[in-house]
Amino acid sequence: HVEFGAHLHTTPTTWFEKIDAAYKAGCQRFDGAIQGFGGCPMAKDQL
């Protein structure tokens, strides 16, 4: 009864395996931002 989503932050080289793992595990809801801009300003990894 719960809709699960994936809000994945990533480095430029690790996007594919994350999306692939979530989709193949049944996730049907994905967040993204064009060109990967942004990320969480409260977190600490600038990359």
ModelCIF file with pLDDT and N, C-alpha, C, O atoms, coordinates in Angstrom:
data_MODEL
#
_entry.id   MODEL 
#
_entity.id                         1 
_entity.type                       polymer 
_entity.pdbx_number_of_molecules   1 
#
_entity_poly.entity_id                      1 
_entity_poly.type                           'polypeptide(L)' 
_entity_poly.nstd_linkage                   no 
_entity_poly.nstd_monomer                   no 
_entity_poly.pdbx_seq_one_letter_code       HVEFGAHLHTTPTTWFEKIDAAYKAGCQRFDGAIQGFGGCPMAKDQL 
_entity_poly.pdbx_seq_one_letter_code_can   HVEFGAHLHTTPTTWFEKIDAAYKAGCQRFDGAIQGFGGCPMAKDQL 
_entity_poly.pdbx_strand_id                 A 
#
loop_
_entity_poly_seq.entity_id 
_entity_poly_seq.num 
_entity_poly_seq.mon_id 
_entity_poly_seq.hetero 
1 1  HIS n 
1 2  VAL n 
1 3  GLU n 
1 4  PHE n 
1 5  GLY n 
1 6  ALA n 
1 7  HIS n 
1 8  LEU n 
1 9  HIS n 
1 10 THR n 
1 11 THR n 
1 12 PRO n 
1 13 THR n 
1 14 THR n 
1 15 TRP n 
1 16 PHE n 
1 17 GLU n 
1 18 LYS n 
1 19 ILE n 
1 20 ASP n 
1 21 ALA n 
1 22 ALA n 
1 23 TYR n 
1 24 LYS n 
1 25 ALA n 
1 26 GLY n 
1 27 CYS n 
1 28 GLN n 
1 29 ARG n 
1 30 PHE n 
1 31 ASP n 
1 32 GLY n 
1 33 ALA n 
1 34 ILE n 
1 35 GLN n 
1 36 GLY n 
1 37 PHE n 
1 38 GLY n 
1 39 GLY n 
1 40 CYS n 
1 41 PRO n 
1 42 MET n 
1 43 ALA n 
1 44 LYS n 
1 45 ASP n 
1 46 GLN n 
1 47 LEU n 
#
_struct_asym.id          A 
_struct_asym.entity_id   1 
#
loop_
_ma_qa_metric.id 
_ma_qa_metric.mode 
_ma_qa_metric.name 
_ma_qa_metric.software_group_id 
_ma_qa_metric.type 
1 global pLDDT . pLDDT 
2 local  pLDDT . pLDDT 
#
_ma_qa_metric_global.metric_id      1 
_ma_qa_metric_global.metric_value   84.32 
_ma_qa_metric_global.model_id       1 
_ma_qa_metric_global.ordinal_id     1 
#
loop_
_ma_qa_metric_local.label_asym_id 
_ma_qa_metric_local.label_comp_id 
_ma_qa_metric_local.label_seq_id 
_ma_qa_metric_local.metric_id 
_ma_qa_metric_local.metric_value 
_ma_qa_metric_local.model_id 
_ma_qa_metric_local.ordinal_id 
A HIS 1  2 96.00 1 1  
A VAL 2  2 97.00 1 2  
A GLU 3  2 97.00 1 3  
A PHE 4  2 97.00 1 4  
A GLY 5  2 98.00 1 5  
A ALA 6  2 96.00 1 6  
A HIS 7  2 94.00 1 7  
A LEU 8  2 91.00 1 8  
A HIS 9  2 85.00 1 9  
A THR 10 2 85.00 1 10 
A THR 11 2 79.00 1 11 
A PRO 12 2 79.00 1 12 
A THR 13 2 83.00 1 13 
A THR 14 2 86.00 1 14 
A TRP 15 2 91.00 1 15 
A PHE 16 2 94.00 1 16 
A GLU 17 2 94.00 1 17 
A LYS 18 2 93.00 1 18 
A ILE 19 2 95.00 1 19 
A ASP 20 2 96.00 1 20 
A ALA 21 2 96.00 1 21 
A ALA 22 2 96.00 1 22 
A TYR 23 2 97.00 1 23 
A LYS 24 2 97.00 1 24 
A ALA 25 2 97.00 1 25 
A GLY 26 2 97.00 1 26 
A CYS 27 2 97.00 1 27 
A GLN 28 2 97.00 1 28 
A ARG 29 2 98.00 1 29 
A PHE 30 2 97.00 1 30 
A ASP 31 2 97.00 1 31 
A GLY 32 2 96.00 1 32 
A ALA 33 2 96.00 1 33 
A ILE 34 2 95.00 1 34 
A GLN 35 2 92.00 1 35 
A GLY 36 2 91.00 1 36 
A PHE 37 2 90.00 1 37 
A GLY 38 2 81.00 1 38 
A GLY 39 2 60.00 1 39 
A CYS 40 2 50.00 1 40 
A PRO 41 2 42.00 1 41 
A MET 42 2 42.00 1 42 
A ALA 43 2 43.00 1 43 
A LYS 44 2 47.00 1 44 
A ASP 45 2 47.00 1 45 
A GLN 46 2 50.00 1 46 
A LEU 47 2 49.00 1 47 
#
loop_
_atom_site.group_PDB 
_atom_site.id 
_atom_site.type_symbol 
_atom_site.label_atom_id 
_atom_site.label_alt_id 
_atom_site.label_comp_id 
_atom_site.label_asym_id 
_atom_site.label_entity_id 
_atom_site.label_seq_id 
_atom_site.pdbx_PDB_ins_code 
_atom_site.Cartn_x 
_atom_site.Cartn_y 
_atom_site.Cartn_z 
_atom_site.occupancy 
_atom_site.B_iso_or_equiv 
_atom_site.pdbx_formal_charge 
_atom_site.auth_seq_id 
_atom_site.auth_comp_id 
_atom_site.auth_asym_id 
_atom_site.auth_atom_id 
_atom_site.pdbx_PDB_model_num 
ATOM 1   N N  . HIS A 1 1  ? 0.822  -1.218 0.000   1.00 96.00 ? 1  HIS A N  1 
ATOM 2   C CA . HIS A 1 1  ? 0.000  0.000  0.000   1.00 96.00 ? 1  HIS A CA 1 
ATOM 3   C C  . HIS A 1 1  ? 0.855  1.266  0.000   1.00 96.00 ? 1  HIS A C  1 
ATOM 4   O O  . HIS A 1 1  ? 0.315  2.372  -0.040  1.00 96.00 ? 1  HIS A O  1 
ATOM 5   N N  . VAL A 1 2  ? 2.185  1.119  0.045   1.00 97.00 ? 2  VAL A N  1 
ATOM 6   C CA . VAL A 1 2  ? 3.099  2.269  0.036   1.00 97.00 ? 2  VAL A CA 1 
ATOM 7   C C  . VAL A 1 2  ? 3.746  2.384  -1.340  1.00 97.00 ? 2  VAL A C  1 
ATOM 8   O O  . VAL A 1 2  ? 4.201  1.394  -1.913  1.00 97.00 ? 2  VAL A O  1 
ATOM 9   N N  . GLU A 1 3  ? 3.780  3.603  -1.856  1.00 97.00 ? 3  GLU A N  1 
ATOM 10  C CA . GLU A 1 3  ? 4.512  3.875  -3.093  1.00 97.00 ? 3  GLU A CA 1 
ATOM 11  C C  . GLU A 1 3  ? 5.928  4.286  -2.722  1.00 97.00 ? 3  GLU A C  1 
ATOM 12  O O  . GLU A 1 3  ? 6.135  5.287  -2.036  1.00 97.00 ? 3  GLU A O  1 
ATOM 13  N N  . PHE A 1 4  ? 6.898  3.508  -3.178  1.00 97.00 ? 4  PHE A N  1 
ATOM 14  C CA . PHE A 1 4  ? 8.301  3.793  -2.846  1.00 97.00 ? 4  PHE A CA 1 
ATOM 15  C C  . PHE A 1 4  ? 8.971  4.537  -3.990  1.00 97.00 ? 4  PHE A C  1 
ATOM 16  O O  . PHE A 1 4  ? 8.778  4.218  -5.163  1.00 97.00 ? 4  PHE A O  1 
ATOM 17  N N  . GLY A 1 5  ? 9.758  5.530  -3.621  1.00 98.00 ? 5  GLY A N  1 
ATOM 18  C CA . GLY A 1 5  ? 10.505 6.293  -4.605  1.00 98.00 ? 5  GLY A CA 1 
ATOM 19  C C  . GLY A 1 5  ? 11.989 6.267  -4.301  1.00 98.00 ? 5  GLY A C  1 
ATOM 20  O O  . GLY A 1 5  ? 12.416 5.878  -3.213  1.00 98.00 ? 5  GLY A O  1 
ATOM 21  N N  . ALA A 1 6  ? 12.775 6.696  -5.299  1.00 96.00 ? 6  ALA A N  1 
ATOM 22  C CA . ALA A 1 6  ? 14.226 6.775  -5.151  1.00 96.00 ? 6  ALA A CA 1 
ATOM 23  C C  . ALA A 1 6  ? 14.672 8.205  -5.426  1.00 96.00 ? 6  ALA A C  1 
ATOM 24  O O  . ALA A 1 6  ? 14.552 8.699  -6.548  1.00 96.00 ? 6  ALA A O  1 
ATOM 25  N N  . HIS A 1 7  ? 15.188 8.866  -4.392  1.00 94.00 ? 7  HIS A N  1 
ATOM 26  C CA . HIS A 1 7  ? 15.767 10.203 -4.547  1.00 94.00 ? 7  HIS A CA 1 
ATOM 27  C C  . HIS A 1 7  ? 17.268 10.017 -4.371  1.00 94.00 ? 7  HIS A C  1 
ATOM 28  O O  . HIS A 1 7  ? 17.798 10.092 -3.262  1.00 94.00 ? 7  HIS A O  1 
ATOM 29  N N  . LEU A 1 8  ? 17.937 9.774  -5.493  1.00 91.00 ? 8  LEU A N  1 
ATOM 30  C CA . LEU A 1 8  ? 19.333 9.367  -5.446  1.00 91.00 ? 8  LEU A CA 1 
ATOM 31  C C  . LEU A 1 8  ? 20.248 10.524 -5.836  1.00 91.00 ? 8  LEU A C  1 
ATOM 32  O O  . LEU A 1 8  ? 20.108 11.101 -6.914  1.00 91.00 ? 8  LEU A O  1 
ATOM 33  N N  . HIS A 1 9  ? 21.167 10.849 -4.966  1.00 85.00 ? 9  HIS A N  1 
ATOM 34  C CA . HIS A 1 9  ? 22.243 11.772 -5.316  1.00 85.00 ? 9  HIS A CA 1 
ATOM 35  C C  . HIS A 1 9  ? 23.420 10.922 -5.779  1.00 85.00 ? 9  HIS A C  1 
ATOM 36  O O  . HIS A 1 9  ? 23.574 9.775  -5.358  1.00 85.00 ? 9  HIS A O  1 
ATOM 37  N N  . THR A 1 10 ? 24.241 11.490 -6.644  1.00 85.00 ? 10 THR A N  1 
ATOM 38  C CA . THR A 1 10 ? 25.261 10.656 -7.261  1.00 85.00 ? 10 THR A CA 1 
ATOM 39  C C  . THR A 1 10 ? 26.437 11.481 -7.746  1.00 85.00 ? 10 THR A C  1 
ATOM 40  O O  . THR A 1 10 ? 26.318 12.684 -7.975  1.00 85.00 ? 10 THR A O  1 
ATOM 41  N N  . THR A 1 11 ? 27.567 10.823 -7.897  1.00 79.00 ? 11 THR A N  1 
ATOM 42  C CA . THR A 1 11 ? 28.692 11.428 -8.605  1.00 79.00 ? 11 THR A CA 1 
ATOM 43  C C  . THR A 1 11 ? 28.527 11.103 -10.091 1.00 79.00 ? 11 THR A C  1 
ATOM 44  O O  . THR A 1 11 ? 27.750 10.212 -10.433 1.00 79.00 ? 11 THR A O  1 
ATOM 45  N N  . PRO A 1 12 ? 29.235 11.800 -10.980 1.00 79.00 ? 12 PRO A N  1 
ATOM 46  C CA . PRO A 1 12 ? 29.021 11.601 -12.409 1.00 79.00 ? 12 PRO A CA 1 
ATOM 47  C C  . PRO A 1 12 ? 29.259 10.178 -12.917 1.00 79.00 ? 12 PRO A C  1 
ATOM 48  O O  . PRO A 1 12 ? 28.737 9.801  -13.966 1.00 79.00 ? 12 PRO A O  1 
ATOM 49  N N  . THR A 1 13 ? 30.032 9.397  -12.190 1.00 83.00 ? 13 THR A N  1 
ATOM 50  C CA . THR A 1 13 ? 30.382 8.067  -12.696 1.00 83.00 ? 13 THR A CA 1 
ATOM 51  C C  . THR A 1 13 ? 29.559 6.934  -12.088 1.00 83.00 ? 13 THR A C  1 
ATOM 52  O O  . THR A 1 13 ? 29.739 5.780  -12.476 1.00 83.00 ? 13 THR A O  1 
ATOM 53  N N  . THR A 1 14 ? 28.658 7.230  -11.142 1.00 86.00 ? 14 THR A N  1 
ATOM 54  C CA . THR A 1 14 ? 27.971 6.137  -10.432 1.00 86.00 ? 14 THR A CA 1 
ATOM 55  C C  . THR A 1 14 ? 26.464 6.121  -10.655 1.00 86.00 ? 14 THR A C  1 
ATOM 56  O O  . THR A 1 14 ? 25.751 5.380  -9.977  1.00 86.00 ? 14 THR A O  1 
ATOM 57  N N  . TRP A 1 15 ? 25.960 6.935  -11.603 1.00 91.00 ? 15 TRP A N  1 
ATOM 58  C CA . TRP A 1 15 ? 24.506 7.044  -11.766 1.00 91.00 ? 15 TRP A CA 1 
ATOM 59  C C  . TRP A 1 15 ? 23.883 5.747  -12.273 1.00 91.00 ? 15 TRP A C  1 
ATOM 60  O O  . TRP A 1 15 ? 22.813 5.353  -11.810 1.00 91.00 ? 15 TRP A O  1 
ATOM 61  N N  . PHE A 1 16 ? 24.545 5.079  -13.225 1.00 94.00 ? 16 PHE A N  1 
ATOM 62  C CA . PHE A 1 16 ? 23.895 3.957  -13.903 1.00 94.00 ? 16 PHE A CA 1 
ATOM 63  C C  . PHE A 1 16 ? 23.581 2.822  -12.947 1.00 94.00 ? 16 PHE A C  1 
ATOM 64  O O  . PHE A 1 16 ? 22.453 2.330  -12.918 1.00 94.00 ? 16 PHE A O  1 
ATOM 65  N N  . GLU A 1 17 ? 24.558 2.404  -12.169 1.00 94.00 ? 17 GLU A N  1 
ATOM 66  C CA . GLU A 1 17 ? 24.336 1.243  -11.303 1.00 94.00 ? 17 GLU A CA 1 
ATOM 67  C C  . GLU A 1 17 ? 23.274 1.518  -10.244 1.00 94.00 ? 17 GLU A C  1 
ATOM 68  O O  . GLU A 1 17 ? 22.592 0.596  -9.797  1.00 94.00 ? 17 GLU A O  1 
ATOM 69  N N  . LYS A 1 18 ? 23.127 2.782  -9.838  1.00 93.00 ? 18 LYS A N  1 
ATOM 70  C CA . LYS A 1 18 ? 22.096 3.114  -8.848  1.00 93.00 ? 18 LYS A CA 1 
ATOM 71  C C  . LYS A 1 18 ? 20.704 3.014  -9.446  1.00 93.00 ? 18 LYS A C  1 
ATOM 72  O O  . LYS A 1 18 ? 19.820 2.381  -8.868  1.00 93.00 ? 18 LYS A O  1 
ATOM 73  N N  . ILE A 1 19 ? 20.505 3.635  -10.597 1.00 95.00 ? 19 ILE A N  1 
ATOM 74  C CA . ILE A 1 19 ? 19.204 3.563  -11.275 1.00 95.00 ? 19 ILE A CA 1 
ATOM 75  C C  . ILE A 1 19 ? 18.866 2.118  -11.624 1.00 95.00 ? 19 ILE A C  1 
ATOM 76  O O  . ILE A 1 19 ? 17.739 1.664  -11.426 1.00 95.00 ? 19 ILE A O  1 
ATOM 77  N N  . ASP A 1 20 ? 19.850 1.413  -12.141 1.00 96.00 ? 20 ASP A N  1 
ATOM 78  C CA . ASP A 1 20 ? 19.636 0.029  -12.564 1.00 96.00 ? 20 ASP A CA 1 
ATOM 79  C C  . ASP A 1 20 ? 19.216 -0.846 -11.388 1.00 96.00 ? 20 ASP A C  1 
ATOM 80  O O  . ASP A 1 20 ? 18.302 -1.660 -11.512 1.00 96.00 ? 20 ASP A O  1 
ATOM 81  N N  . ALA A 1 21 ? 19.880 -0.680 -10.253 1.00 96.00 ? 21 ALA A N  1 
ATOM 82  C CA . ALA A 1 21 ? 19.554 -1.486 -9.074  1.00 96.00 ? 21 ALA A CA 1 
ATOM 83  C C  . ALA A 1 21 ? 18.150 -1.188 -8.577  1.00 96.00 ? 21 ALA A C  1 
ATOM 84  O O  . ALA A 1 21 ? 17.400 -2.110 -8.256  1.00 96.00 ? 21 ALA A O  1 
ATOM 85  N N  . ALA A 1 22 ? 17.779 0.101  -8.507  1.00 96.00 ? 22 ALA A N  1 
ATOM 86  C CA . ALA A 1 22 ? 16.458 0.467  -7.997  1.00 96.00 ? 22 ALA A CA 1 
ATOM 87  C C  . ALA A 1 22 ? 15.345 -0.020 -8.923  1.00 96.00 ? 22 ALA A C  1 
ATOM 88  O O  . ALA A 1 22 ? 14.341 -0.556 -8.455  1.00 96.00 ? 22 ALA A O  1 
ATOM 89  N N  . TYR A 1 23 ? 15.516 0.162  -10.226 1.00 97.00 ? 23 TYR A N  1 
ATOM 90  C CA . TYR A 1 23 ? 14.474 -0.229 -11.180 1.00 97.00 ? 23 TYR A CA 1 
ATOM 91  C C  . TYR A 1 23 ? 14.292 -1.744 -11.200 1.00 97.00 ? 23 TYR A C  1 
ATOM 92  O O  . TYR A 1 23 ? 13.166 -2.240 -11.192 1.00 97.00 ? 23 TYR A O  1 
ATOM 93  N N  . LYS A 1 24 ? 15.387 -2.462 -11.226 1.00 97.00 ? 24 LYS A N  1 
ATOM 94  C CA . LYS A 1 24 ? 15.294 -3.935 -11.267 1.00 97.00 ? 24 LYS A CA 1 
ATOM 95  C C  . LYS A 1 24 ? 14.735 -4.493 -9.962  1.00 97.00 ? 24 LYS A C  1 
ATOM 96  O O  . LYS A 1 24 ? 14.214 -5.609 -9.939  1.00 97.00 ? 24 LYS A O  1 
ATOM 97  N N  . ALA A 1 25 ? 14.838 -3.727 -8.877  1.00 97.00 ? 25 ALA A N  1 
ATOM 98  C CA . ALA A 1 25 ? 14.268 -4.169 -7.593  1.00 97.00 ? 25 ALA A CA 1 
ATOM 99  C C  . ALA A 1 25 ? 12.804 -3.772 -7.449  1.00 97.00 ? 25 ALA A C  1 
ATOM 100 O O  . ALA A 1 25 ? 12.181 -4.058 -6.427  1.00 97.00 ? 25 ALA A O  1 
ATOM 101 N N  . GLY A 1 26 ? 12.246 -3.107 -8.478  1.00 97.00 ? 26 GLY A N  1 
ATOM 102 C CA . GLY A 1 26 ? 10.811 -2.835 -8.476  1.00 97.00 ? 26 GLY A CA 1 
ATOM 103 C C  . GLY A 1 26 ? 10.414 -1.390 -8.259  1.00 97.00 ? 26 GLY A C  1 
ATOM 104 O O  . GLY A 1 26 ? 9.222  -1.082 -8.256  1.00 97.00 ? 26 GLY A O  1 
ATOM 105 N N  . CYS A 1 27 ? 11.385 -0.478 -8.074  1.00 97.00 ? 27 CYS A N  1 
ATOM 106 C CA . CYS A 1 27 ? 11.041 0.927  -7.864  1.00 97.00 ? 27 CYS A CA 1 
ATOM 107 C C  . CYS A 1 27 ? 10.457 1.517  -9.146  1.00 97.00 ? 27 CYS A C  1 
ATOM 108 O O  . CYS A 1 27 ? 10.960 1.270  -10.242 1.00 97.00 ? 27 CYS A O  1 
ATOM 109 N N  . GLN A 1 28 ? 9.380  2.307  -8.992  1.00 97.00 ? 28 GLN A N  1 
ATOM 110 C CA . GLN A 1 28 ? 8.693  2.898  -10.141 1.00 97.00 ? 28 GLN A CA 1 
ATOM 111 C C  . GLN A 1 28 ? 8.605  4.425  -10.044 1.00 97.00 ? 28 GLN A C  1 
ATOM 112 O O  . GLN A 1 28 ? 7.906  5.060  -10.833 1.00 97.00 ? 28 GLN A O  1 
ATOM 113 N N  . ARG A 1 29 ? 9.314  5.006  -9.080  1.00 98.00 ? 29 ARG A N  1 
ATOM 114 C CA . ARG A 1 29 ? 9.244  6.463  -8.867  1.00 98.00 ? 29 ARG A CA 1 
ATOM 115 C C  . ARG A 1 29 ? 10.672 6.978  -8.668  1.00 98.00 ? 29 ARG A C  1 
ATOM 116 O O  . ARG A 1 29 ? 11.385 6.529  -7.771  1.00 98.00 ? 29 ARG A O  1 
ATOM 117 N N  . PHE A 1 30 ? 11.078 7.925  -9.515  1.00 97.00 ? 30 PHE A N  1 
ATOM 118 C CA . PHE A 1 30 ? 12.458 8.390  -9.488  1.00 97.00 ? 30 PHE A CA 1 
ATOM 119 C C  . PHE A 1 30 ? 12.521 9.913  -9.550  1.00 97.00 ? 30 PHE A C  1 
ATOM 120 O O  . PHE A 1 30 ? 11.849 10.544 -10.366 1.00 97.00 ? 30 PHE A O  1 
ATOM 121 N N  . ASP A 1 31 ? 13.345 10.493 -8.670  1.00 97.00 ? 31 ASP A N  1 
ATOM 122 C CA . ASP A 1 31 ? 13.602 11.928 -8.678  1.00 97.00 ? 31 ASP A CA 1 
ATOM 123 C C  . ASP A 1 31 ? 14.892 12.220 -9.440  1.00 97.00 ? 31 ASP A C  1 
ATOM 124 O O  . ASP A 1 31 ? 15.838 11.434 -9.414  1.00 97.00 ? 31 ASP A O  1 
ATOM 125 N N  . GLY A 1 32 ? 14.909 13.364 -10.118 1.00 96.00 ? 32 GLY A N  1 
ATOM 126 C CA . GLY A 1 32 ? 16.125 13.781 -10.796 1.00 96.00 ? 32 GLY A CA 1 
ATOM 127 C C  . GLY A 1 32 ? 16.143 15.278 -10.991 1.00 96.00 ? 32 GLY A C  1 
ATOM 128 O O  . GLY A 1 32 ? 15.159 15.962 -10.710 1.00 96.00 ? 32 GLY A O  1 
ATOM 129 N N  . ALA A 1 33 ? 17.260 15.784 -11.472 1.00 96.00 ? 33 ALA A N  1 
ATOM 130 C CA . ALA A 1 33 ? 17.392 17.199 -11.829 1.00 96.00 ? 33 ALA A CA 1 
ATOM 131 C C  . ALA A 1 33 ? 18.248 17.278 -13.085 1.00 96.00 ? 33 ALA A C  1 
ATOM 132 O O  . ALA A 1 33 ? 19.296 16.639 -13.177 1.00 96.00 ? 33 ALA A O  1 
ATOM 133 N N  . ILE A 1 34 ? 17.799 18.056 -14.034 1.00 95.00 ? 34 ILE A N  1 
ATOM 134 C CA . ILE A 1 34 ? 18.501 18.162 -15.310 1.00 95.00 ? 34 ILE A CA 1 
ATOM 135 C C  . ILE A 1 34 ? 19.969 18.530 -15.090 1.00 95.00 ? 34 ILE A C  1 
ATOM 136 O O  . ILE A 1 34 ? 20.292 19.450 -14.338 1.00 95.00 ? 34 ILE A O  1 
ATOM 137 N N  . GLN A 1 35 ? 20.841 17.791 -15.764 1.00 92.00 ? 35 GLN A N  1 
ATOM 138 C CA . GLN A 1 35 ? 22.294 17.957 -15.706 1.00 92.00 ? 35 GLN A CA 1 
ATOM 139 C C  . GLN A 1 35 ? 22.882 17.699 -14.318 1.00 92.00 ? 35 GLN A C  1 
ATOM 140 O O  . GLN A 1 35 ? 24.049 18.002 -14.066 1.00 92.00 ? 35 GLN A O  1 
ATOM 141 N N  . GLY A 1 36 ? 22.064 17.136 -13.415 1.00 91.00 ? 36 GLY A N  1 
ATOM 142 C CA . GLY A 1 36 ? 22.579 16.789 -12.093 1.00 91.00 ? 36 GLY A CA 1 
ATOM 143 C C  . GLY A 1 36 ? 22.863 17.975 -11.206 1.00 91.00 ? 36 GLY A C  1 
ATOM 144 O O  . GLY A 1 36 ? 23.584 17.855 -10.215 1.00 91.00 ? 36 GLY A O  1 
ATOM 145 N N  . PHE A 1 37 ? 22.296 19.142 -11.556 1.00 90.00 ? 37 PHE A N  1 
ATOM 146 C CA . PHE A 1 37 ? 22.548 20.321 -10.739 1.00 90.00 ? 37 PHE A CA 1 
ATOM 147 C C  . PHE A 1 37 ? 21.999 20.119 -9.330  1.00 90.00 ? 37 PHE A C  1 
ATOM 148 O O  . PHE A 1 37 ? 21.020 19.402 -9.125  1.00 90.00 ? 37 PHE A O  1 
ATOM 149 N N  . GLY A 1 38 ? 22.655 20.769 -8.357  1.00 81.00 ? 38 GLY A N  1 
ATOM 150 C CA . GLY A 1 38 ? 22.138 20.772 -7.002  1.00 81.00 ? 38 GLY A CA 1 
ATOM 151 C C  . GLY A 1 38 ? 22.676 19.645 -6.157  1.00 81.00 ? 38 GLY A C  1 
ATOM 152 O O  . GLY A 1 38 ? 23.786 19.154 -6.363  1.00 81.00 ? 38 GLY A O  1 
ATOM 153 N N  . GLY A 1 39 ? 21.862 19.249 -5.203  1.00 60.00 ? 39 GLY A N  1 
ATOM 154 C CA . GLY A 1 39 ? 22.289 18.353 -4.143  1.00 60.00 ? 39 GLY A CA 1 
ATOM 155 C C  . GLY A 1 39 ? 21.877 19.008 -2.847  1.00 60.00 ? 39 GLY A C  1 
ATOM 156 O O  . GLY A 1 39 ? 21.283 20.085 -2.863  1.00 60.00 ? 39 GLY A O  1 
ATOM 157 N N  . CYS A 1 40 ? 22.172 18.399 -1.757  1.00 50.00 ? 40 CYS A N  1 
ATOM 158 C CA . CYS A 1 40 ? 21.697 18.937 -0.489  1.00 50.00 ? 40 CYS A CA 1 
ATOM 159 C C  . CYS A 1 40 ? 22.705 19.912 0.114   1.00 50.00 ? 40 CYS A C  1 
ATOM 160 O O  . CYS A 1 40 ? 23.840 19.524 0.389   1.00 50.00 ? 40 CYS A O  1 
ATOM 161 N N  . PRO A 1 41 ? 22.307 21.193 0.327   1.00 42.00 ? 41 PRO A N  1 
ATOM 162 C CA . PRO A 1 41 ? 23.242 22.154 0.904   1.00 42.00 ? 41 PRO A CA 1 
ATOM 163 C C  . PRO A 1 41 ? 23.580 21.866 2.357   1.00 42.00 ? 41 PRO A C  1 
ATOM 164 O O  . PRO A 1 41 ? 24.538 22.422 2.895   1.00 42.00 ? 41 PRO A O  1 
ATOM 165 N N  . MET A 1 42 ? 22.791 20.989 3.004   1.00 42.00 ? 42 MET A N  1 
ATOM 166 C CA . MET A 1 42 ? 23.070 20.645 4.403   1.00 42.00 ? 42 MET A CA 1 
ATOM 167 C C  . MET A 1 42 ? 24.053 19.476 4.520   1.00 42.00 ? 42 MET A C  1 
ATOM 168 O O  . MET A 1 42 ? 24.570 19.199 5.602   1.00 42.00 ? 42 MET A O  1 
ATOM 169 N N  . ALA A 1 43 ? 24.307 18.795 3.401   1.00 43.00 ? 43 ALA A N  1 
ATOM 170 C CA . ALA A 1 43 ? 25.261 17.689 3.409   1.00 43.00 ? 43 ALA A CA 1 
ATOM 171 C C  . ALA A 1 43 ? 26.650 18.235 3.066   1.00 43.00 ? 43 ALA A C  1 
ATOM 172 O O  . ALA A 1 43 ? 26.818 19.429 2.817   1.00 43.00 ? 43 ALA A O  1 
ATOM 173 N N  . LYS A 1 44 ? 27.640 17.339 3.058   1.00 47.00 ? 44 LYS A N  1 
ATOM 174 C CA . LYS A 1 44 ? 28.995 17.895 3.041   1.00 47.00 ? 44 LYS A CA 1 
ATOM 175 C C  . LYS A 1 44 ? 29.836 17.515 1.827   1.00 47.00 ? 44 LYS A C  1 
ATOM 176 O O  . LYS A 1 44 ? 30.999 17.911 1.760   1.00 47.00 ? 44 LYS A O  1 
ATOM 177 N N  . ASP A 1 45 ? 29.303 16.768 0.872   1.00 47.00 ? 45 ASP A N  1 
ATOM 178 C CA . ASP A 1 45 ? 30.093 16.356 -0.277  1.00 47.00 ? 45 ASP A CA 1 
ATOM 179 C C  . ASP A 1 45 ? 29.814 17.279 -1.454  1.00 47.00 ? 45 ASP A C  1 
ATOM 180 O O  . ASP A 1 45 ? 28.742 17.211 -2.056  1.00 47.00 ? 45 ASP A O  1 
ATOM 181 N N  . GLN A 1 46 ? 30.771 18.143 -1.788  1.00 50.00 ? 46 GLN A N  1 
ATOM 182 C CA . GLN A 1 46 ? 30.583 19.124 -2.850  1.00 50.00 ? 46 GLN A CA 1 
ATOM 183 C C  . GLN A 1 46 ? 30.487 18.464 -4.235  1.00 50.00 ? 46 GLN A C  1 
ATOM 184 O O  . GLN A 1 46 ? 29.947 19.056 -5.170  1.00 50.00 ? 46 GLN A O  1 
ATOM 185 N N  . LEU A 1 47 ? 31.007 17.254 -4.361  1.00 49.00 ? 47 LEU A N  1 
ATOM 186 C CA . LEU A 1 47 ? 31.030 16.592 -5.662  1.00 49.00 ? 47 LEU A CA 1 
ATOM 187 C C  . LEU A 1 47 ? 29.748 15.821 -5.957  1.00 49.00 ? 47 LEU A C  1 
ATOM 188 O O  . LEU A 1 47 ? 29.625 15.212 -7.020  1.00 49.00 ? 47 LEU A O  1 
#
